[in-house]
Amino acid sequence: MIISSVASFFPKRCVFNSEIVSTCSSNVSFIRNKLGIEKRFFLDDDMSELNISVGACNKLLENNKNIDFKKVDLFVYVGQAKRRIIPHTSAQLQGILGIPYSSFVFDLSLACSGYIYALEIIESLSVKHSFRNALLVTCDPYSIVLNKNDKNTYPLFGDCATASFLTDNGSGLQIGNVVYGTNGKYADFLHCNVHDKLYMNGRGIFNFVMRYIPNSIKKCMELNSLTDKDIKYYFVHQANRFIVEALASRMQVDFEKFPIVLEDSANTVSSSIPYIIEKYIDKINIGENCILSAFGGGISWASISVKMIGGINE
């Protein structure tokens, strides 16, 4: 399958660092320079994951007149943080968007790594069932589970929804082979109990990332017969600037190959990778390869290759 188009949508409420530090014991300079974040967007009290997900889907249609949701065979929603737990969000969106009743529709309960897992699931199901068109929506509004007094989480996250349209022909990013993993021994590094707030062991997650992700990316490149010379960009999960820079340094790769787009969005969890794609897809030429790599709660991770192709006969 081919990622032909991606659109993002943010809530209206914009929260700058000055507001963040008014409730937690962090400081503006640290958030801006170390984390790489200037602002983020949070849901208003009367908004939900459904609202901004619809916004992303509508933006996708506005940007691409050829996309028709009535032709969607497979629809996957990726996200964990929700105001409405039952029924599954994909079913609610299917009714709103007019996706056919006969479509394969389900939620995937993964956070930061969820987009890449969803790409592999879409690819596999499309081969088995000969699906031609798929819609992939991500949304994890962590603002609803953040503690305003917690300096380890409150400055880091922002709300965003993305919608990706995938098709079996045409131009876009063709999905390659994937490497994945989970280590549930570290599940408590990032968790949130019912009616509670998010907890994160930042040091533990950083150490996990440095231990597992460079090797995940290396294995993914080997699986796809690629070297660093073949890679235009490494689209890695935008946890924060410090982690992205540390990954590039650990891998001894030119930092310019690691785009950072979280300055005006913060860590958008499952929407992180598709948001980078939206910002950079027009900068990728036909025949160029990129690596997508994400990591987060679980602890879960995945890396996958994509290649820009120009049409059905490329």
Protein backbone atom coordinates (compact mmCIF):
# COMPACT_ATOMS: atom_id res chain seq x y z
CA MET A 1 0.00 0.00 0.00
CA ILE A 2 1.02 3.61 -0.58
CA ILE A 3 0.62 6.60 1.74
CA SER A 4 -0.77 9.07 -0.77
CA SER A 5 -1.75 11.94 1.52
CA VAL A 6 -1.69 13.04 5.18
CA ALA A 7 -3.53 15.84 6.96
CA SER A 8 -3.32 17.08 10.55
CA PHE A 9 -5.74 19.02 12.73
CA PHE A 10 -5.18 20.79 16.05
CA PRO A 11 -7.62 22.03 18.68
CA LYS A 12 -8.16 25.80 18.95
CA ARG A 13 -6.68 26.23 22.42
CA CYS A 14 -3.01 27.18 22.11
CA VAL A 15 -0.89 26.85 25.26
CA PHE A 16 2.49 28.60 25.43
CA ASN A 17 5.33 27.69 27.77
CA SER A 18 4.57 30.64 30.03
CA GLU A 19 1.23 29.07 30.93
CA ILE A 20 2.82 25.66 31.45
CA VAL A 21 5.42 26.89 33.94
CA SER A 22 2.77 28.78 35.93
CA THR A 23 1.53 25.46 37.34
CA CYS A 24 4.60 23.19 37.34
CA SER A 25 8.17 23.66 38.51
CA SER A 26 9.78 23.77 35.08
CA ASN A 27 11.09 26.85 33.25
CA VAL A 28 10.55 28.38 29.83
CA SER A 29 14.22 28.18 28.81
CA PHE A 30 14.44 24.43 29.55
CA ILE A 31 11.23 23.66 27.65
CA ARG A 32 12.27 25.74 24.65
CA ASN A 33 15.94 24.83 24.39
CA LYS A 34 16.16 21.30 25.82
CA LEU A 35 12.76 19.90 24.85
CA GLY A 36 12.48 22.02 21.70
CA ILE A 37 8.90 23.13 22.37
CA GLU A 38 7.43 26.62 22.12
CA LYS A 39 3.73 25.82 22.29
CA ARG A 40 1.17 23.05 22.09
CA PHE A 41 -2.58 22.68 21.63
CA PHE A 42 -5.04 21.26 24.17
CA LEU A 43 -8.65 20.20 23.84
CA ASP A 44 -11.24 22.53 25.34
CA ASP A 45 -13.51 20.96 27.95
CA ASP A 46 -16.35 20.60 25.46
CA MET A 47 -14.19 18.94 22.80
CA SER A 48 -13.16 15.31 22.35
CA GLU A 49 -10.98 13.08 20.23
CA LEU A 50 -13.94 12.75 17.88
CA ASN A 51 -14.03 16.46 17.04
CA ILE A 52 -10.41 16.82 16.02
CA SER A 53 -10.40 13.46 14.23
CA VAL A 54 -13.29 14.66 12.07
CA GLY A 55 -11.34 17.88 11.54
CA ALA A 56 -8.32 15.94 10.23
CA CYS A 57 -10.50 13.85 7.92
CA ASN A 58 -12.26 16.92 6.53
CA LYS A 59 -8.90 18.59 5.92
CA LEU A 60 -7.75 15.47 4.06
CA LEU A 61 -10.77 15.78 1.76
CA GLU A 62 -10.23 19.51 1.26
CA ASN A 63 -6.63 18.95 0.24
CA ASN A 64 -7.38 16.02 -2.08
CA LYS A 65 -10.50 16.25 -4.22
CA ASN A 66 -9.91 12.73 -5.58
CA ILE A 67 -10.32 11.06 -2.17
CA ASP A 68 -13.73 9.50 -1.60
CA PHE A 69 -14.47 7.96 1.80
CA LYS A 70 -17.25 5.91 0.20
CA LYS A 71 -14.49 3.90 -1.47
CA VAL A 72 -12.67 3.09 1.78
CA ASP A 73 -12.29 -0.68 2.30
CA LEU A 74 -10.37 -0.52 5.59
CA PHE A 75 -10.48 2.06 8.38
CA VAL A 76 -8.14 2.00 11.40
CA TYR A 77 -8.21 4.41 14.33
CA VAL A 78 -5.08 4.58 16.50
CA GLY A 79 -5.28 6.04 20.00
CA GLN A 80 -5.57 5.33 23.72
CA ALA A 81 -6.48 8.60 25.46
CA LYS A 82 -10.23 9.16 25.03
CA ARG A 83 -13.09 11.03 26.64
CA ARG A 84 -15.52 8.38 25.36
CA ILE A 85 -14.34 4.82 25.86
CA ILE A 86 -17.32 2.90 24.42
CA PRO A 87 -18.11 2.40 21.55
CA HIS A 88 -14.87 2.27 19.62
CA THR A 89 -13.97 5.59 18.04
CA SER A 90 -13.57 4.16 14.54
CA ALA A 91 -17.23 3.13 14.53
CA GLN A 92 -18.33 6.62 15.55
CA LEU A 93 -16.17 8.16 12.84
CA GLN A 94 -17.38 5.66 10.26
CA GLY A 95 -20.95 6.84 10.80
CA ILE A 96 -19.98 10.51 10.60
CA LEU A 97 -17.72 10.22 7.54
CA GLY A 98 -19.98 7.97 5.48
CA ILE A 99 -17.53 5.09 5.21
CA PRO A 100 -19.35 2.00 3.84
CA TYR A 101 -20.92 -0.44 6.31
CA SER A 102 -19.02 -3.25 4.59
CA SER A 103 -15.63 -1.73 5.44
CA PHE A 104 -13.22 -3.37 7.87
CA VAL A 105 -13.35 -0.92 10.81
CA PHE A 106 -11.52 -1.14 14.16
CA ASP A 107 -9.48 0.70 16.83
CA LEU A 108 -5.85 -0.03 17.61
CA SER A 109 -4.94 0.63 21.25
CA LEU A 110 -1.36 1.76 20.83
CA ALA A 111 0.14 5.19 21.42
CA CYS A 112 3.43 6.50 20.03
CA SER A 113 4.33 3.40 18.00
CA GLY A 114 0.75 2.89 16.82
CA TYR A 115 1.02 4.53 13.40
CA ILE A 116 3.74 2.16 12.24
CA TYR A 117 1.95 -0.90 13.62
CA ALA A 118 -1.19 0.27 11.81
CA LEU A 119 0.71 0.62 8.52
CA GLU A 120 1.87 -3.00 8.76
CA ILE A 121 -1.63 -4.21 9.67
CA ILE A 122 -3.12 -2.29 6.74
CA GLU A 123 -0.52 -3.72 4.38
CA SER A 124 -1.15 -7.29 5.57
CA LEU A 125 -4.95 -7.07 5.51
CA SER A 126 -4.90 -5.41 2.09
CA VAL A 127 -2.89 -8.27 0.64
CA LYS A 128 -5.22 -10.90 2.11
CA HIS A 129 -8.51 -9.16 1.27
CA SER A 130 -7.44 -7.22 -1.85
CA PHE A 131 -8.35 -3.90 -0.24
CA ARG A 132 -7.67 -0.94 -2.52
CA ASN A 133 -8.18 2.05 -0.21
CA ALA A 134 -7.57 2.56 3.51
CA LEU A 135 -8.06 5.41 5.95
CA LEU A 136 -5.80 5.67 9.00
CA VAL A 137 -6.64 8.17 11.75
CA THR A 138 -4.47 8.88 14.79
CA CYS A 139 -5.49 10.85 17.87
CA ASP A 140 -4.20 10.80 21.44
CA PRO A 141 -5.34 13.91 23.36
CA TYR A 142 -3.07 13.46 26.36
CA SER A 143 -4.22 16.80 27.78
CA ILE A 144 -7.16 14.96 29.34
CA VAL A 145 -4.79 12.80 31.44
CA LEU A 146 -2.06 15.33 32.27
CA ASN A 147 -1.36 16.62 35.76
CA LYS A 148 -0.75 20.38 35.54
CA ASN A 149 1.66 20.16 38.47
CA ASP A 150 3.84 17.42 36.96
CA LYS A 151 6.96 18.87 35.33
CA ASN A 152 7.81 15.45 33.82
CA THR A 153 4.70 15.28 31.63
CA TYR A 154 2.80 18.58 31.47
CA PRO A 155 5.33 20.48 29.29
CA LEU A 156 5.87 17.58 26.88
CA PHE A 157 2.57 16.70 25.26
CA GLY A 158 0.10 18.29 22.88
CA ASP A 159 -3.14 17.22 21.22
CA CYS A 160 -3.43 16.55 17.49
CA ALA A 161 -5.29 14.28 15.09
CA THR A 162 -4.06 13.10 11.70
CA ALA A 163 -5.71 11.35 8.79
CA SER A 164 -3.72 9.32 6.24
CA PHE A 165 -5.14 7.95 3.00
CA LEU A 166 -3.53 4.82 1.61
CA THR A 167 -4.13 3.26 -1.79
CA ASP A 168 -2.86 0.31 -3.79
CA ASN A 169 -1.63 2.43 -6.73
CA GLY A 170 -0.55 5.92 -7.65
CA SER A 171 2.14 8.16 -6.19
CA GLY A 172 3.25 8.47 -2.59
CA LEU A 173 5.24 6.61 0.04
CA GLN A 174 5.25 2.88 -0.59
CA ILE A 175 5.35 0.80 2.58
CA GLY A 176 8.34 -1.51 3.00
CA ASN A 177 9.31 -4.11 5.59
CA VAL A 178 8.89 -3.56 9.31
CA VAL A 179 10.81 -4.36 12.52
CA TYR A 180 8.91 -4.28 15.80
CA GLY A 181 9.11 -5.20 19.46
CA THR A 182 7.56 -4.91 22.92
CA ASN A 183 9.06 -5.25 26.39
CA GLY A 184 6.26 -5.34 28.94
CA LYS A 185 8.74 -5.50 31.83
CA TYR A 186 8.93 -1.73 31.48
CA ALA A 187 5.19 -1.12 31.15
CA ASP A 188 5.13 1.05 34.27
CA PHE A 189 7.51 3.57 32.67
CA LEU A 190 4.45 5.21 31.07
CA HIS A 191 1.03 4.44 32.48
CA CYS A 192 -2.29 5.91 33.49
CA ASN A 193 -4.89 4.23 35.68
CA VAL A 194 -8.63 4.85 35.32
CA HIS A 195 -9.64 8.23 36.81
CA ASP A 196 -5.96 9.01 37.39
CA LYS A 197 -3.29 11.11 35.66
CA LEU A 198 -0.41 10.10 33.43
CA TYR A 199 2.83 8.94 35.02
CA MET A 200 6.11 8.85 33.11
CA ASN A 201 9.59 7.68 34.09
CA GLY A 202 11.49 9.99 31.77
CA ARG A 203 14.94 8.64 32.56
CA GLY A 204 13.76 5.07 32.12
CA ILE A 205 12.23 5.83 28.73
CA PHE A 206 15.34 7.67 27.56
CA ASN A 207 17.55 4.70 28.48
CA PHE A 208 15.14 2.34 26.74
CA VAL A 209 15.21 4.46 23.57
CA MET A 210 19.01 4.57 23.48
CA ARG A 211 19.21 0.81 24.04
CA TYR A 212 16.58 -0.40 21.56
CA ILE A 213 15.85 2.15 18.85
CA PRO A 214 19.23 2.49 17.06
CA ASN A 215 19.29 -1.29 16.67
CA SER A 216 15.65 -1.32 15.50
CA ILE A 217 16.46 1.22 12.79
CA LYS A 218 19.62 -0.69 11.80
CA LYS A 219 17.70 -3.97 11.49
CA CYS A 220 14.98 -2.27 9.48
CA MET A 221 17.55 -0.91 7.03
CA GLU A 222 19.18 -4.32 6.70
CA LEU A 223 15.80 -5.98 6.13
CA ASN A 224 15.10 -3.52 3.33
CA SER A 225 18.65 -3.71 1.88
CA LEU A 226 19.34 -0.05 2.69
CA THR A 227 22.32 1.87 4.06
CA ASP A 228 22.51 5.39 5.44
CA LYS A 229 23.46 6.63 1.96
CA ASP A 230 20.07 5.44 0.71
CA ILE A 231 18.08 7.33 3.36
CA LYS A 232 16.73 10.83 2.74
CA TYR A 233 15.18 11.26 6.19
CA TYR A 234 14.79 9.40 9.46
CA PHE A 235 11.31 10.27 10.70
CA VAL A 236 11.56 9.34 14.38
CA HIS A 237 8.94 9.86 17.05
CA GLN A 238 9.02 13.45 18.27
CA ALA A 239 9.29 12.73 21.99
CA ASN A 240 11.42 15.85 22.49
CA ARG A 241 14.42 17.52 20.85
CA PHE A 242 16.92 16.05 23.30
CA ILE A 243 15.95 12.45 22.49
CA VAL A 244 15.97 13.01 18.72
CA GLU A 245 19.41 14.63 18.88
CA ALA A 246 20.70 11.83 21.11
CA LEU A 247 19.45 9.21 18.65
CA ALA A 248 21.21 10.89 15.73
CA SER A 249 24.41 11.12 17.77
CA ARG A 250 24.23 7.50 18.92
CA MET A 251 23.71 6.35 15.33
CA GLN A 252 26.46 8.67 14.06
CA VAL A 253 24.13 10.03 11.38
CA ASP A 254 23.93 13.60 10.07
CA PHE A 255 21.44 15.43 12.30
CA GLU A 256 19.93 17.13 9.23
CA LYS A 257 18.45 13.75 8.33
CA PHE A 258 16.40 13.82 11.55
CA PRO A 259 13.65 16.43 11.08
CA ILE A 260 12.18 18.01 14.20
CA VAL A 261 8.66 19.41 13.96
CA LEU A 262 7.55 19.60 17.59
CA GLU A 263 8.30 23.29 18.22
CA ASP A 264 4.68 24.28 17.58
CA SER A 265 3.00 21.00 18.50
CA ALA A 266 4.96 19.25 21.31
CA ASN A 267 4.81 15.44 21.54
CA THR A 268 1.58 14.45 19.79
CA VAL A 269 1.92 10.74 20.63
CA SER A 270 0.37 8.56 17.87
CA SER A 271 0.12 11.59 15.56
CA SER A 272 3.84 12.34 15.76
CA ILE A 273 5.04 10.30 12.76
CA PRO A 274 2.20 11.18 10.34
CA TYR A 275 2.59 14.86 11.25
CA ILE A 276 6.25 14.73 10.15
CA ILE A 277 5.21 13.01 6.93
CA GLU A 278 2.66 15.73 6.22
CA LYS A 279 5.32 18.42 6.68
CA TYR A 280 8.01 16.68 4.62
CA ILE A 281 6.32 14.54 1.96
CA ASP A 282 6.72 17.24 -0.72
CA LYS A 283 10.48 17.30 -0.06
CA ILE A 284 10.94 13.62 -0.92
CA ASN A 285 11.77 12.85 -4.54
CA ILE A 286 10.78 9.78 -6.53
CA GLY A 287 13.05 6.87 -5.66
CA GLU A 288 14.15 8.26 -2.28
CA ASN A 289 13.79 6.22 0.91
CA CYS A 290 12.92 7.18 4.46
CA ILE A 291 12.82 5.29 7.74
CA LEU A 292 9.93 5.75 10.16
CA SER A 293 10.70 4.79 13.75
CA ALA A 294 8.53 5.22 16.83
CA PHE A 295 8.60 4.19 20.47
CA GLY A 296 6.48 4.65 23.56
CA GLY A 297 4.09 3.11 26.05
CA GLY A 298 4.18 -0.64 26.41
CA ILE A 299 7.11 -0.36 26.11
CA SER A 300 6.56 -0.74 22.36
CA TRP A 301 8.57 0.20 19.28
CA ALA A 302 8.59 -0.25 15.50
CA SER A 303 10.59 0.85 12.46
CA ILE A 304 9.51 0.66 8.83
CA SER A 305 10.88 1.82 5.48
CA VAL A 306 8.96 3.87 2.92
CA LYS A 307 9.93 4.76 -0.65
CA MET A 308 8.56 7.58 -2.78
CA ILE A 309 7.12 6.26 -6.02
CA GLY A 310 5.58 8.22 -8.83
CA GLY A 311 2.83 6.01 -10.17
CA ILE A 312 1.43 2.55 -10.75
CA ASN A 313 4.21 1.60 -13.16
CA GLU A 314 7.13 2.87 -11.07
